[in-house]
């Protein structure tokens, strides 16, 4: 094994994987700065392989070759190819020395004897293949690593794209749900607004007034019923303290100083804490501005009428 220069020793350390990441990066930087550097490195790599096959390496270099090259499936095949090639060439030399050869070997031997150029071409081809194979192998490994990195990056990008698409679909779904909720709330608001308008209109059409037994003339200012121009119905709630049960009720209504108005009704009743409440509805157009006296009349099952309570109130039409 020849003596190597410091430059070649540095390259050997790189090929055997004995460098730190920083040192390795500096060497690889030389590939781009000095094209001859890469060719020299490839030639030194071939020399290492040949020296290994011929047993001319130191123990450290031999172990490095076995770790870096033989442990790698691709590089191991390359070394095996070199061993096979050398064995094949050795076997051919041995077969040439044999006295008995086949007719085909004789023919090839004859051709080699008659055409030296063929032997030279074959040898040249073997040498070229032996020298070029490591460079091609290194380049193939680099391309393979680059391809694996690119495939890994593409897989990561595809995964990110799928995740972003999933998030986008979720956002769209939430947006659609929010739009549906907004539309539903808008419809509900419209219904509530319509109901509010209807209730306001009903309040202006129906006017209510609660009267109790104490609502009699001379007991202070009587309750006042205010009727707007659009009022259609007057609802009166009469508090009744009498415990007597009647089959039905009627009322007598008159303006103070006027005649009674007989109103035959069957008012609705409901229970109250202090007795019951008789609820009756009267047309708003029978009222005019002034004071009124209302008498609740109880009617028994046999048709007998009896005055139950008197109530007084005033009306103001606007």
Protein backbone atom coordinates (compact mmCIF):
# COMPACT_ATOMS: atom_id res chain seq x y z
CA UNK A 1 0.00 0.00 0.00
CA UNK A 2 1.47 3.35 -1.08
CA UNK A 3 2.02 6.28 1.25
CA UNK A 4 -0.89 8.74 1.11
CA UNK A 5 -0.74 12.52 1.27
CA UNK A 6 -2.53 14.57 3.94
CA UNK A 7 -5.21 15.45 1.38
CA UNK A 8 -5.78 11.75 0.65
CA UNK A 9 -5.80 10.87 4.34
CA UNK A 10 -8.56 13.42 4.83
CA UNK A 11 -10.51 11.84 1.97
CA UNK A 12 -10.03 8.37 3.48
CA UNK A 13 -11.47 9.60 6.79
CA UNK A 14 -14.47 10.95 4.86
CA UNK A 15 -15.02 7.66 2.99
CA UNK A 16 -14.74 5.61 6.18
CA UNK A 17 -17.22 7.80 8.04
CA UNK A 18 -14.71 8.97 10.66
CA UNK A 19 -15.52 12.68 10.37
CA UNK A 20 -17.81 14.90 12.42
CA UNK A 21 -20.82 16.47 10.73
CA UNK A 22 -18.99 19.79 10.47
CA UNK A 23 -15.90 18.22 8.87
CA UNK A 24 -18.06 16.20 6.50
CA UNK A 25 -19.91 19.35 5.42
CA UNK A 26 -16.60 21.10 4.61
CA UNK A 27 -15.45 18.18 2.45
CA UNK A 28 -18.75 18.02 0.59
CA UNK A 29 -18.52 21.75 -0.03
CA UNK A 30 -15.33 21.07 -2.00
CA UNK A 31 -17.37 18.98 -4.46
CA UNK A 32 -18.95 22.17 -5.78
CA UNK A 33 -15.86 24.39 -5.51
CA UNK A 34 -13.38 21.97 -7.10
CA UNK A 35 -14.64 19.44 -9.71
CA UNK A 36 -11.25 17.66 -9.64
CA UNK A 37 -11.71 17.06 -5.92
CA UNK A 38 -14.70 14.77 -6.54
CA UNK A 39 -12.85 12.82 -9.24
CA UNK A 40 -9.88 12.40 -6.92
CA UNK A 41 -12.19 11.22 -4.15
CA UNK A 42 -13.80 8.64 -6.45
CA UNK A 43 -10.42 7.36 -7.60
CA UNK A 44 -9.27 7.03 -3.97
CA UNK A 45 -12.47 5.14 -3.16
CA UNK A 46 -11.68 2.64 -5.94
CA UNK A 47 -8.18 2.27 -4.59
CA UNK A 48 -9.52 1.53 -1.11
CA UNK A 49 -11.79 -1.18 -2.48
CA UNK A 50 -8.94 -2.78 -4.44
CA UNK A 51 -6.61 -2.62 -1.46
CA UNK A 52 -9.28 -4.21 0.70
CA UNK A 53 -9.80 -7.08 -1.76
CA UNK A 54 -6.06 -7.62 -1.93
CA UNK A 55 -5.59 -7.40 1.84
CA UNK A 56 -3.31 -4.36 1.76
CA UNK A 57 -5.24 -2.13 4.19
CA UNK A 58 -4.44 -1.42 7.82
CA UNK A 59 -6.70 -2.90 10.50
CA UNK A 60 -8.39 0.46 11.04
CA UNK A 61 -9.09 0.98 7.35
CA UNK A 62 -10.20 -2.62 6.84
CA UNK A 63 -12.67 -2.34 9.73
CA UNK A 64 -13.90 1.00 8.35
CA UNK A 65 -14.49 -0.54 4.92
CA UNK A 66 -16.43 -3.41 6.48
CA UNK A 67 -18.60 -1.04 8.54
CA UNK A 68 -19.30 1.53 5.83
CA UNK A 69 -19.43 -0.69 2.74
CA UNK A 70 -20.27 -4.24 3.77
CA UNK A 71 -23.06 -3.16 6.15
CA UNK A 72 -24.77 -1.27 3.31
CA UNK A 73 -26.78 -3.52 0.94
CA UNK A 74 -25.92 -1.43 -2.12
CA UNK A 75 -22.19 -1.05 -1.35
CA UNK A 76 -21.92 -4.69 -0.26
CA UNK A 77 -23.19 -5.78 -3.69
CA UNK A 78 -20.55 -3.58 -5.25
CA UNK A 79 -17.76 -5.29 -3.28
CA UNK A 80 -19.21 -8.71 -4.06
CA UNK A 81 -19.23 -7.76 -7.74
CA UNK A 82 -15.56 -6.82 -7.55
CA UNK A 83 -14.71 -10.11 -5.82
CA UNK A 84 -16.67 -12.08 -8.41
CA UNK A 85 -14.99 -10.21 -11.25
CA UNK A 86 -11.51 -10.90 -9.89
CA UNK A 87 -12.37 -14.55 -9.27
CA UNK A 88 -13.73 -14.84 -12.80
CA UNK A 89 -10.57 -13.36 -14.28
CA UNK A 90 -8.41 -15.67 -12.17
CA UNK A 91 -10.46 -18.67 -13.27
CA UNK A 92 -10.06 -17.69 -16.91
CA UNK A 93 -6.27 -17.55 -16.47
CA UNK A 94 -6.35 -20.96 -14.83
CA UNK A 95 -8.47 -22.43 -17.62
CA UNK A 96 -5.98 -21.11 -20.18
CA UNK A 97 -3.26 -23.13 -18.51
CA UNK A 98 -5.25 -26.35 -18.67
CA UNK A 99 -4.18 -28.69 -21.42
CA UNK A 100 -7.61 -29.97 -22.21
CA UNK A 101 -10.03 -27.25 -23.24
CA UNK A 102 -13.40 -27.38 -24.90
CA UNK A 103 -13.85 -26.54 -28.53
CA UNK A 104 -15.43 -23.27 -27.59
CA UNK A 105 -12.55 -22.30 -25.31
CA UNK A 106 -10.16 -23.31 -28.08
CA UNK A 107 -11.98 -21.09 -30.48
CA UNK A 108 -11.88 -18.16 -28.05
CA UNK A 109 -8.24 -18.84 -27.35
CA UNK A 110 -7.58 -18.93 -31.07
CA UNK A 111 -9.34 -15.66 -31.51
CA UNK A 112 -7.37 -14.11 -28.68
CA UNK A 113 -4.13 -15.41 -30.17
CA UNK A 114 -4.97 -14.20 -33.63
CA UNK A 115 -6.54 -10.84 -32.59
CA UNK A 116 -4.68 -9.10 -29.75
CA UNK A 117 -6.91 -6.05 -30.16
CA UNK A 118 -9.84 -8.09 -28.89
CA UNK A 119 -7.95 -8.94 -25.71
CA UNK A 120 -7.00 -5.33 -25.20
CA UNK A 121 -10.57 -4.15 -25.76
CA UNK A 122 -11.93 -6.67 -23.27
CA UNK A 123 -9.39 -5.73 -20.66
CA UNK A 124 -10.07 -2.07 -21.25
CA UNK A 125 -13.81 -2.64 -20.88
CA UNK A 126 -13.31 -4.51 -17.60
CA UNK A 127 -11.08 -1.76 -16.24
CA UNK A 128 -13.58 0.93 -17.26
CA UNK A 129 -16.42 -0.99 -15.65
CA UNK A 130 -14.39 -1.57 -12.51
CA UNK A 131 -13.48 2.11 -12.23
CA UNK A 132 -16.84 3.55 -13.24
CA UNK A 133 -19.01 1.22 -11.15
CA UNK A 134 -18.14 2.84 -7.75
CA UNK A 135 -18.82 6.34 -9.08
CA UNK A 136 -22.12 5.19 -10.54
CA UNK A 137 -22.96 3.46 -7.27
CA UNK A 138 -22.21 6.58 -5.22
CA UNK A 139 -24.27 8.68 -7.60
CA UNK A 140 -27.11 6.14 -7.46
CA UNK A 141 -27.06 6.17 -3.65
CA UNK A 142 -27.17 9.94 -3.60
CA UNK A 143 -30.04 10.00 -6.07
CA UNK A 144 -31.83 7.34 -4.02
CA UNK A 145 -31.43 9.41 -0.85
CA UNK A 146 -32.63 12.51 -2.65
CA UNK A 147 -35.61 10.59 -4.00
CA UNK A 148 -36.48 9.27 -0.53
CA UNK A 149 -36.27 12.78 0.92
CA UNK A 150 -38.45 14.17 -1.86
CA UNK A 151 -40.99 11.38 -1.37
CA UNK A 152 -41.01 12.01 2.37
CA UNK A 153 -41.53 15.73 1.79
CA UNK A 154 -44.33 15.03 -0.68
CA UNK A 155 -46.01 12.68 1.82
CA UNK A 156 -45.74 15.36 4.54
CA UNK A 157 -47.14 18.01 2.17
CA UNK A 158 -50.00 15.71 1.19
CA UNK A 159 -50.77 15.02 4.85
CA UNK A 160 -50.74 18.76 5.59
CA UNK A 161 -53.00 19.37 2.59
CA UNK A 162 -55.45 16.72 3.80
CA UNK A 163 -55.44 18.21 7.31
CA UNK A 164 -56.06 21.71 5.92
CA UNK A 165 -58.87 20.37 3.74
CA UNK A 166 -60.42 18.68 6.78
CA UNK A 167 -60.25 21.91 8.78
CA UNK A 168 -61.72 23.83 5.83
CA UNK A 169 -64.61 21.35 5.59
CA UNK A 170 -65.25 21.71 9.33
CA UNK A 171 -65.24 25.51 9.04
CA UNK A 172 -67.67 25.34 6.12
CA UNK A 173 -69.95 23.00 8.07
CA UNK A 174 -69.91 25.31 11.10
CA UNK A 175 -70.59 28.30 8.83
CA UNK A 176 -73.58 26.51 7.29
CA UNK A 177 -74.88 25.62 10.75
CA UNK A 178 -74.49 29.22 11.90
CA UNK A 179 -76.33 30.47 8.82
CA UNK A 180 -79.18 28.05 9.55
CA UNK A 181 -79.33 29.24 13.16
CA UNK A 182 -79.32 32.88 12.05
CA UNK A 183 -82.11 32.19 9.54
CA UNK A 184 -84.14 30.38 12.19
CA UNK A 185 -83.64 33.23 14.66
CA UNK A 186 -84.63 35.75 12.00
CA UNK A 187 -87.83 33.83 11.31
CA UNK A 188 -88.58 33.60 15.03
CA UNK A 189 -87.94 37.31 15.44
CA UNK A 190 -90.31 38.04 12.56
CA UNK A 191 -93.01 35.90 14.18
CA UNK A 192 -92.48 37.60 17.53
CA UNK A 193 -92.67 41.02 15.93
CA UNK A 194 -95.91 40.06 14.19
CA UNK A 195 -97.31 38.73 17.46
CA UNK A 196 -96.26 41.89 19.26
CA UNK A 197 -98.04 44.02 16.67
CA UNK A 198 -101.12 41.82 16.98
CA UNK A 199 -101.08 42.06 20.77
CA UNK A 200 -100.66 45.83 20.66
CA UNK A 201 -103.55 46.04 18.22
CA UNK A 202 -105.62 43.75 20.42
CA UNK A 203 -104.81 45.84 23.47
CA UNK A 204 -106.01 48.93 21.67
CA UNK A 205 -109.16 47.12 20.48
CA UNK A 206 -110.02 45.45 23.80
CA UNK A 207 -110.15 47.67 26.90
CA UNK A 208 -110.30 46.02 30.33
CA UNK A 209 -111.47 47.38 33.69
CA UNK A 210 -111.67 45.62 37.04
CA UNK A 211 -114.55 46.58 39.36
CA UNK A 212 -115.06 45.56 42.97
CA UNK A 213 -117.93 45.80 45.43
CA UNK A 214 -116.46 49.01 46.80
CA UNK A 215 -116.76 50.68 43.40
CA UNK A 216 -120.00 52.49 44.32
CA UNK A 217 -121.02 56.09 44.03
CA UNK A 218 -120.00 58.31 46.92
CA UNK A 219 -117.01 56.11 47.85
CA UNK A 220 -114.47 58.36 46.17
CA UNK A 221 -113.59 58.77 42.51
CA UNK A 222 -114.91 55.77 40.58
CA UNK A 223 -112.65 53.74 38.30
CA UNK A 224 -112.29 55.31 34.84
CA UNK A 225 -112.54 53.47 31.53
CA UNK A 226 -110.70 55.27 28.71
CA UNK A 227 -111.79 54.32 25.20
CA UNK A 228 -109.58 55.07 22.20
CA UNK A 229 -111.23 55.60 18.79
CA UNK A 230 -110.28 52.07 17.62
CA UNK A 231 -111.63 50.33 20.75
CA UNK A 232 -114.10 47.60 19.82
CA UNK A 233 -114.72 45.69 23.03
CA UNK A 234 -114.90 46.47 26.76
CA UNK A 235 -113.91 43.72 29.16
CA UNK A 236 -115.21 44.14 32.71
CA UNK A 237 -114.07 41.98 35.62
CA UNK A 238 -116.58 42.13 38.50
CA UNK A 239 -115.43 41.00 41.93
CA UNK A 240 -118.26 39.09 43.72
CA UNK A 241 -118.18 38.41 47.46
CA UNK A 242 -121.58 36.70 47.65
CA UNK A 243 -121.44 32.98 48.44
CA UNK A 244 -124.75 32.27 46.71
CA UNK A 245 -124.44 30.15 43.58
CA UNK A 246 -126.53 31.16 40.56
CA UNK A 247 -127.32 29.31 37.37
CA UNK A 248 -126.39 32.36 35.28
CA UNK A 249 -125.86 36.11 35.42
CA UNK A 250 -127.10 39.21 33.65
CA UNK A 251 -126.31 42.88 34.02
CA UNK A 252 -128.23 46.09 34.04
CA UNK A 253 -126.22 49.02 32.82
CA UNK A 254 -127.22 52.65 32.67
CA UNK A 255 -125.63 56.06 32.46
CA UNK A 256 -126.27 58.09 35.55
CA UNK A 257 -129.42 60.10 34.85
CA UNK A 258 -130.39 57.81 31.94
CA UNK A 259 -132.30 54.56 31.37
CA UNK A 260 -131.17 51.02 32.11
CA UNK A 261 -129.79 48.92 29.31
CA UNK A 262 -130.80 45.27 29.69
CA UNK A 263 -127.95 42.99 28.55
CA UNK A 264 -128.67 39.27 28.55
CA UNK A 265 -125.33 37.41 28.80
CA UNK A 266 -123.88 34.33 30.32
CA UNK A 267 -120.62 35.75 31.65
CA UNK A 268 -117.72 33.54 32.47
CA UNK A 269 -116.80 33.10 36.13
CA UNK A 270 -113.61 32.13 37.88
CA UNK A 271 -112.65 31.58 41.47
CA UNK A 272 -110.75 34.20 43.44
CA UNK A 273 -109.25 34.39 46.93
CA UNK A 274 -112.14 36.44 48.32
CA UNK A 275 -114.96 34.83 46.32
CA UNK A 276 -115.34 34.78 42.55
CA UNK A 277 -114.90 37.05 39.53
CA UNK A 278 -117.52 37.48 36.85
CA UNK A 279 -116.02 38.38 33.46
CA UNK A 280 -118.19 39.94 30.80
CA UNK A 281 -117.57 41.62 27.49
CA UNK A 282 -119.63 44.50 26.13
CA UNK A 283 -119.50 46.36 22.80
CA UNK A 284 -117.49 49.56 23.09
CA UNK A 285 -119.99 51.51 20.98
CA UNK A 286 -122.74 51.38 23.67
CA UNK A 287 -120.64 53.64 25.88
CA UNK A 288 -120.41 57.41 25.83
CA UNK A 289 -118.43 59.78 27.99
CA UNK A 290 -119.99 59.96 31.47
CA UNK A 291 -120.66 58.09 34.70
CA UNK A 292 -122.20 54.62 34.69
CA UNK A 293 -123.91 52.34 37.17
CA UNK A 294 -123.77 48.56 36.64
CA UNK A 295 -125.89 46.05 38.56
CA UNK A 296 -124.97 42.36 38.50
CA UNK A 297 -128.10 40.20 38.49
CA UNK A 298 -128.02 36.55 39.55
CA UNK A 299 -130.48 34.16 37.91
CA UNK A 300 -131.43 30.97 39.74
CA UNK A 301 -132.17 27.65 38.07
CA UNK A 302 -135.91 28.40 38.27
CA UNK A 303 -135.38 31.76 36.50
CA UNK A 304 -135.72 33.96 39.61
CA UNK A 305 -133.56 37.10 39.36
CA UNK A 306 -131.80 38.73 42.28
CA UNK A 307 -129.57 41.79 42.45
CA UNK A 308 -126.13 40.68 43.61
CA UNK A 309 -123.79 43.71 43.50
CA UNK A 310 -123.73 47.32 42.26
CA UNK A 311 -120.70 48.87 40.60
CA UNK A 312 -120.02 52.39 39.39
CA UNK A 313 -117.39 53.65 36.93
CA UNK A 314 -116.83 56.49 34.49
CA UNK A 315 -116.08 56.43 30.78
CA UNK A 316 -113.94 58.82 28.77
CA UNK A 317 -114.02 58.51 25.02
CA UNK A 318 -111.18 60.11 23.10
